[in-house]
N, C-alpha and C. Protein backbone atom coordinates (compact mmCIF):
# COMPACT_ATOMS: atom_id res chain seq x y z
N MET A 1 0.82 -1.19 0.00
CA MET A 1 0.00 0.00 0.00
C MET A 1 0.87 1.26 0.00
N SER A 2 2.00 1.17 0.68
CA SER A 2 2.86 2.36 0.71
C SER A 2 3.45 2.66 -0.68
N LEU A 3 3.56 1.62 -1.52
CA LEU A 3 4.05 1.84 -2.88
C LEU A 3 3.10 2.75 -3.65
N ILE A 4 1.80 2.58 -3.44
CA ILE A 4 0.81 3.42 -4.11
C ILE A 4 0.97 4.88 -3.69
N PHE A 5 1.17 5.11 -2.40
CA PHE A 5 1.37 6.48 -1.92
C PHE A 5 2.68 7.07 -2.43
N LEU A 6 3.72 6.26 -2.49
CA LEU A 6 5.00 6.72 -3.01
C LEU A 6 4.89 7.12 -4.47
N LEU A 7 4.24 6.29 -5.28
CA LEU A 7 4.08 6.60 -6.69
C LEU A 7 3.22 7.85 -6.90
N THR A 8 2.19 8.00 -6.09
CA THR A 8 1.36 9.20 -6.18
C THR A 8 2.16 10.45 -5.82
N GLY A 9 2.98 10.35 -4.79
CA GLY A 9 3.83 11.47 -4.40
C GLY A 9 4.83 11.84 -5.49
N ILE A 10 5.42 10.84 -6.12
CA ILE A 10 6.36 11.11 -7.21
C ILE A 10 5.64 11.76 -8.38
N ALA A 11 4.41 11.30 -8.67
CA ALA A 11 3.63 11.90 -9.76
C ALA A 11 3.33 13.38 -9.45
N MET A 12 3.02 13.67 -8.19
CA MET A 12 2.76 15.08 -7.82
C MET A 12 4.03 15.92 -7.95
N LEU A 13 5.17 15.36 -7.57
CA LEU A 13 6.42 16.10 -7.71
C LEU A 13 6.75 16.36 -9.18
N LEU A 14 6.48 15.37 -10.03
CA LEU A 14 6.74 15.56 -11.45
C LEU A 14 5.89 16.68 -12.03
N VAL A 15 4.65 16.79 -11.58
CA VAL A 15 3.79 17.88 -12.05
C VAL A 15 4.35 19.23 -11.59
N MET A 16 4.80 19.29 -10.34
CA MET A 16 5.34 20.55 -9.83
C MET A 16 6.61 20.95 -10.57
N TRP A 17 7.36 19.97 -11.05
CA TRP A 17 8.59 20.26 -11.79
C TRP A 17 8.34 20.50 -13.27
N GLY A 18 7.07 20.44 -13.69
CA GLY A 18 6.72 20.75 -15.07
C GLY A 18 6.82 19.58 -16.03
N LYS A 19 6.96 18.38 -15.53
CA LYS A 19 7.04 17.19 -16.39
C LYS A 19 5.69 16.49 -16.35
N GLU A 20 4.76 17.01 -17.18
CA GLU A 20 3.38 16.53 -17.11
C GLU A 20 3.19 15.15 -17.74
N LYS A 21 3.80 14.88 -18.88
CA LYS A 21 3.57 13.59 -19.54
C LYS A 21 4.06 12.41 -18.71
N PRO A 22 5.28 12.45 -18.14
CA PRO A 22 5.67 11.33 -17.27
C PRO A 22 4.77 11.22 -16.04
N SER A 23 4.28 12.36 -15.57
CA SER A 23 3.40 12.33 -14.42
C SER A 23 2.08 11.64 -14.74
N TYR A 24 1.53 11.91 -15.92
CA TYR A 24 0.29 11.25 -16.33
C TYR A 24 0.51 9.74 -16.46
N ALA A 25 1.64 9.35 -17.01
CA ALA A 25 1.94 7.92 -17.16
C ALA A 25 2.06 7.26 -15.79
N LEU A 26 2.76 7.91 -14.87
CA LEU A 26 2.91 7.35 -13.53
C LEU A 26 1.58 7.32 -12.80
N TRP A 27 0.75 8.34 -13.02
CA TRP A 27 -0.58 8.35 -12.40
C TRP A 27 -1.43 7.20 -12.94
N ALA A 28 -1.33 6.91 -14.23
CA ALA A 28 -2.09 5.80 -14.82
C ALA A 28 -1.63 4.46 -14.24
N VAL A 29 -0.33 4.31 -14.06
CA VAL A 29 0.19 3.09 -13.44
C VAL A 29 -0.31 2.98 -12.00
N THR A 30 -0.31 4.08 -11.28
CA THR A 30 -0.79 4.09 -9.91
C THR A 30 -2.28 3.75 -9.85
N LEU A 31 -3.05 4.30 -10.77
CA LEU A 31 -4.48 4.01 -10.81
C LEU A 31 -4.73 2.52 -11.09
N ALA A 32 -4.00 1.96 -12.04
CA ALA A 32 -4.15 0.53 -12.36
C ALA A 32 -3.76 -0.33 -11.16
N LEU A 33 -2.69 0.05 -10.49
CA LEU A 33 -2.25 -0.69 -9.30
C LEU A 33 -3.28 -0.59 -8.18
N SER A 34 -3.88 0.58 -8.02
CA SER A 34 -4.91 0.76 -6.99
C SER A 34 -6.15 -0.08 -7.29
N ILE A 35 -6.55 -0.14 -8.54
CA ILE A 35 -7.70 -0.95 -8.92
C ILE A 35 -7.41 -2.43 -8.69
N TYR A 36 -6.21 -2.86 -9.05
CA TYR A 36 -5.83 -4.25 -8.80
C TYR A 36 -5.85 -4.55 -7.30
N TRP A 37 -5.30 -3.66 -6.50
CA TRP A 37 -5.23 -3.86 -5.06
C TRP A 37 -6.62 -3.91 -4.45
N LEU A 38 -7.52 -3.04 -4.91
CA LEU A 38 -8.89 -3.05 -4.41
C LEU A 38 -9.58 -4.35 -4.80
N ASN A 39 -9.42 -4.77 -6.05
CA ASN A 39 -10.04 -6.01 -6.51
C ASN A 39 -9.51 -7.21 -5.73
N HIS A 40 -8.23 -7.20 -5.43
CA HIS A 40 -7.62 -8.29 -4.68
C HIS A 40 -8.24 -8.40 -3.28
N HIS A 41 -8.43 -7.28 -2.62
CA HIS A 41 -8.96 -7.30 -1.26
C HIS A 41 -10.47 -7.38 -1.21
N ALA A 42 -11.15 -6.85 -2.20
CA ALA A 42 -12.61 -6.86 -2.19
C ALA A 42 -13.15 -8.25 -2.49
N THR A 43 -12.40 -9.07 -3.19
CA THR A 43 -12.87 -10.41 -3.54
C THR A 43 -12.29 -11.49 -2.65
N ASP A 44 -11.49 -11.10 -1.67
CA ASP A 44 -10.89 -12.06 -0.74
C ASP A 44 -11.96 -12.54 0.25
N ALA A 45 -11.96 -13.81 0.54
CA ALA A 45 -12.91 -14.35 1.51
C ALA A 45 -12.50 -13.95 2.92
N LEU A 46 -13.47 -13.58 3.72
CA LEU A 46 -13.18 -13.23 5.11
C LEU A 46 -13.09 -14.49 5.94
N SER A 47 -12.11 -14.52 6.80
CA SER A 47 -11.92 -15.72 7.64
C SER A 47 -12.45 -15.43 9.05
N ILE A 48 -13.73 -15.16 9.12
CA ILE A 48 -14.35 -14.88 10.43
C ILE A 48 -15.15 -16.11 10.85
N LEU A 49 -14.84 -16.63 11.98
CA LEU A 49 -15.57 -17.77 12.50
C LEU A 49 -16.58 -17.27 13.53
N LEU A 50 -17.85 -17.45 13.22
CA LEU A 50 -18.90 -17.00 14.14
C LEU A 50 -19.49 -18.17 14.89
């Protein structure tokens, strides 16, 4: 999860430095990774014994 925050932070720094195209690419990678991570956890079975 910290990788997602790190990539988002790097994308924000790239925008501040005026490098918009690499920032958009990194943001797209971060978005795809976030969707994968959400799908991985949202479809995981809960191991709760009631």
